[in-house]
Amino acid sequence: MLLLGDALACAAAAEPHLVAVTWNDQSVTFAELDRQADATAHALAGLGISRGDVIVTWAGTSLRHIAVFAAAAKAGAVFAPLNPGFTPVEAAGALDYLQPRLIITDAAHLEPAMALSAAPVALMGTGVRVPREADLDLLAATASSRPPASTVHEDDVHAVFLTSGSTGRPKGVALTHRVS
């Protein structure tokens, strides 16, 4: 049995040059993804994120999202993606339900994310510095790429995916770290 973050590290050790993920014309190998996840996990820790904290992502689809997903696993945080097509009203309901410790967003969702929640906001995949907000990519670029110290347990929740169910209000489907 492996934890989710361990599974990525094992794949990177066994097949470092094998493509792990492809999106459009971009791809990332297991070794690159593992390094990105380690550095991003350290960047998350630098933002005060620790085991059990909920991280909401509200951004368009990108390979960077996969590294944040893996970093959350390594940090023991709970990864909770929002649909990038959510209206501010839909996002507000989801944010109220999830009560995130941090919102990670792209430039397109920055203003509504800041308006809808008191949680700190970090940008990803922009390459643009925005006053008052953390630049997750810059923090990760300067962070250690060594595996973070982990206190993750197999029964800890790693991800919460939202479903509207029958009432239209967000409900979470929780997945744990256990990989068997």
Protein backbone atom coordinates (compact mmCIF):
# COMPACT_ATOMS: atom_id res chain seq x y z
CA MET A 1 0.00 0.00 0.00
CA LEU A 2 1.26 3.47 -0.92
CA LEU A 3 0.18 7.00 -0.16
CA LEU A 4 -0.69 9.08 -3.19
CA GLY A 5 2.41 11.28 -2.92
CA ASP A 6 4.59 8.19 -2.50
CA ALA A 7 3.13 6.64 -5.65
CA LEU A 8 4.33 9.62 -7.70
CA ALA A 9 7.80 9.49 -6.12
CA CYS A 10 8.03 5.75 -6.90
CA ALA A 11 6.97 6.32 -10.51
CA ALA A 12 9.58 9.11 -10.82
CA ALA A 13 12.29 6.79 -9.46
CA ALA A 14 11.27 3.85 -11.65
CA GLU A 15 10.49 5.66 -14.91
CA PRO A 16 11.78 9.24 -14.62
CA HIS A 17 11.64 10.02 -18.36
CA LEU A 18 8.23 8.48 -18.98
CA VAL A 19 5.48 11.00 -19.73
CA ALA A 20 3.15 11.27 -16.75
CA VAL A 21 0.60 13.75 -18.07
CA THR A 22 -0.20 15.38 -21.40
CA TRP A 23 -2.41 18.41 -21.96
CA ASN A 24 -2.85 19.73 -25.50
CA ASP A 25 0.70 19.95 -26.90
CA GLN A 26 2.42 20.01 -23.49
CA SER A 27 3.63 17.10 -21.42
CA VAL A 28 5.50 16.48 -18.19
CA THR A 29 7.54 13.44 -17.17
CA PHE A 30 7.21 11.63 -13.86
CA ALA A 31 10.52 13.09 -12.68
CA GLU A 32 9.52 16.66 -13.63
CA LEU A 33 6.10 16.29 -12.03
CA ASP A 34 7.59 14.88 -8.84
CA ARG A 35 10.09 17.79 -8.62
CA GLN A 36 7.33 20.33 -9.29
CA ALA A 37 5.11 18.70 -6.66
CA ASP A 38 7.89 18.71 -4.04
CA ALA A 39 8.73 22.37 -4.70
CA THR A 40 5.07 23.36 -4.71
CA ALA A 41 4.48 21.46 -1.44
CA HIS A 42 7.29 23.51 0.12
CA ALA A 43 5.75 26.70 -1.33
CA LEU A 44 2.39 25.73 0.20
CA ALA A 45 4.08 25.19 3.57
CA GLY A 46 5.62 28.65 3.21
CA LEU A 47 2.09 30.00 2.81
CA GLY A 48 1.10 28.33 6.07
CA ILE A 49 -0.60 25.25 4.60
CA SER A 50 -0.33 22.07 6.63
CA ARG A 51 -1.94 18.67 7.01
CA GLY A 52 -5.72 18.80 6.70
CA ASP A 53 -5.94 22.36 5.37
CA VAL A 54 -8.32 22.78 2.41
CA ILE A 55 -6.82 24.25 -0.77
CA VAL A 56 -9.36 25.33 -3.36
CA THR A 57 -8.23 25.72 -6.96
CA TRP A 58 -10.35 27.88 -9.24
CA ALA A 59 -8.55 28.09 -12.56
CA GLY A 60 -8.63 26.87 -16.12
CA THR A 61 -7.24 23.44 -16.93
CA SER A 62 -3.44 23.26 -17.11
CA LEU A 63 -0.53 20.97 -16.34
CA ARG A 64 0.22 23.23 -13.37
CA HIS A 65 -3.03 22.02 -11.81
CA ILE A 66 -1.63 18.46 -11.75
CA ALA A 67 1.46 19.62 -9.85
CA VAL A 68 -0.76 21.40 -7.31
CA PHE A 69 -2.86 18.22 -6.94
CA ALA A 70 0.30 16.18 -6.28
CA ALA A 71 1.75 18.87 -3.98
CA ALA A 72 -1.39 18.80 -1.87
CA ALA A 73 -0.92 15.03 -1.52
CA LYS A 74 2.67 15.46 -0.40
CA ALA A 75 1.77 18.28 2.02
CA GLY A 76 -1.21 16.42 3.45
CA ALA A 77 -3.56 19.20 2.36
CA VAL A 78 -7.03 18.64 0.93
CA PHE A 79 -7.25 19.47 -2.80
CA ALA A 80 -10.66 20.87 -3.79
CA PRO A 81 -11.01 22.03 -7.40
CA LEU A 82 -13.82 24.32 -8.46
CA ASN A 83 -15.26 24.22 -11.94
CA PRO A 84 -13.54 27.05 -13.86
CA GLY A 85 -16.92 27.83 -15.43
CA PHE A 86 -18.59 28.55 -12.08
CA THR A 87 -20.33 31.87 -11.83
CA PRO A 88 -19.46 33.97 -8.79
CA VAL A 89 -22.72 32.84 -7.14
CA GLU A 90 -21.88 29.16 -7.70
CA ALA A 91 -18.30 29.68 -6.51
CA ALA A 92 -19.55 31.51 -3.40
CA GLY A 93 -21.67 28.50 -2.43
CA ALA A 94 -18.77 26.13 -2.96
CA LEU A 95 -16.34 28.33 -1.01
CA ASP A 96 -18.82 28.62 1.85
CA TYR A 97 -19.13 24.83 1.92
CA LEU A 98 -15.38 24.11 1.65
CA GLN A 99 -14.06 26.86 3.96
CA PRO A 100 -10.60 26.93 2.30
CA ARG A 101 -7.38 27.94 4.01
CA LEU A 102 -6.03 29.04 0.59
CA ILE A 103 -7.46 29.67 -2.87
CA ILE A 104 -5.17 29.01 -5.82
CA THR A 105 -6.34 30.71 -8.97
CA ASP A 106 -5.35 32.04 -12.36
CA ALA A 107 -5.58 35.66 -13.51
CA ALA A 108 -9.07 35.13 -14.97
CA HIS A 109 -10.51 34.13 -11.58
CA LEU A 110 -8.41 36.38 -9.33
CA GLU A 111 -10.83 39.25 -8.76
CA PRO A 112 -13.90 37.11 -8.02
CA ALA A 113 -11.85 34.82 -5.75
CA MET A 114 -10.66 37.79 -3.75
CA ALA A 115 -14.16 39.25 -3.55
CA LEU A 116 -15.84 36.00 -2.47
CA SER A 117 -13.57 34.81 0.31
CA ALA A 118 -11.40 36.11 3.10
CA ALA A 119 -8.96 33.25 2.47
CA PRO A 120 -5.54 34.18 1.06
CA VAL A 121 -5.24 33.87 -2.71
CA ALA A 122 -2.23 32.56 -4.65
CA LEU A 123 -1.79 32.80 -8.40
CA MET A 124 -0.58 29.93 -10.56
CA GLY A 125 0.52 29.72 -14.14
CA THR A 126 0.44 33.44 -14.82
CA GLY A 127 4.02 34.62 -14.82
CA VAL A 128 2.57 37.94 -13.63
CA ARG A 129 3.21 39.45 -10.20
CA VAL A 130 0.12 40.88 -8.59
CA PRO A 131 0.45 43.13 -5.53
CA ARG A 132 -0.85 41.64 -2.25
CA GLU A 133 -1.13 38.11 -3.62
CA ALA A 134 1.31 35.21 -3.49
CA ASP A 135 2.75 33.98 -6.77
CA LEU A 136 2.71 30.21 -6.31
CA ASP A 137 4.97 29.59 -9.29
CA LEU A 138 7.59 32.06 -8.05
CA LEU A 139 7.49 30.54 -4.56
CA ALA A 140 7.84 27.03 -6.00
CA ALA A 141 10.71 28.10 -8.26
CA THR A 142 12.69 29.23 -5.24
CA ALA A 143 11.63 26.36 -2.93
CA SER A 144 13.42 23.12 -2.25
CA SER A 145 12.75 20.31 -4.69
CA ARG A 146 13.49 17.75 -1.98
CA PRO A 147 10.53 15.72 -0.76
CA PRO A 148 8.76 17.51 2.09
CA ALA A 149 8.58 15.94 5.54
CA SER A 150 5.26 14.19 5.71
CA THR A 151 2.85 13.22 8.45
CA VAL A 152 0.18 12.05 6.00
CA HIS A 153 -1.88 9.02 6.97
CA GLU A 154 -3.63 6.74 4.50
CA ASP A 155 -7.06 7.61 5.90
CA ASP A 156 -6.52 11.38 5.60
CA VAL A 157 -8.70 13.08 3.01
CA HIS A 158 -6.68 14.15 -0.03
CA ALA A 159 -9.33 15.52 -2.37
CA VAL A 160 -12.89 16.75 -2.25
CA PHE A 161 -14.75 16.86 -5.53
CA LEU A 162 -18.05 18.72 -5.56
CA THR A 163 -21.31 17.42 -6.92
CA SER A 164 -24.60 19.27 -6.96
CA GLY A 165 -26.65 16.22 -6.01
CA SER A 166 -30.40 16.55 -6.07
CA THR A 167 -30.68 19.91 -4.29
CA GLY A 168 -28.29 21.96 -6.40
CA ARG A 169 -26.25 22.87 -3.31
CA PRO A 170 -22.61 21.71 -3.34
CA LYS A 171 -21.80 18.42 -1.65
CA GLY A 172 -18.32 16.98 -1.35
CA VAL A 173 -17.12 13.55 -2.35
CA ALA A 174 -14.00 12.90 -0.28
CA LEU A 175 -11.14 10.66 -1.41
CA THR A 176 -8.34 9.51 0.87
CA HIS A 177 -4.61 9.12 0.27
CA ARG A 178 -4.71 5.35 0.27
CA VAL A 179 -3.52 3.83 -3.00
CA SER A 180 -3.72 0.05 -3.10
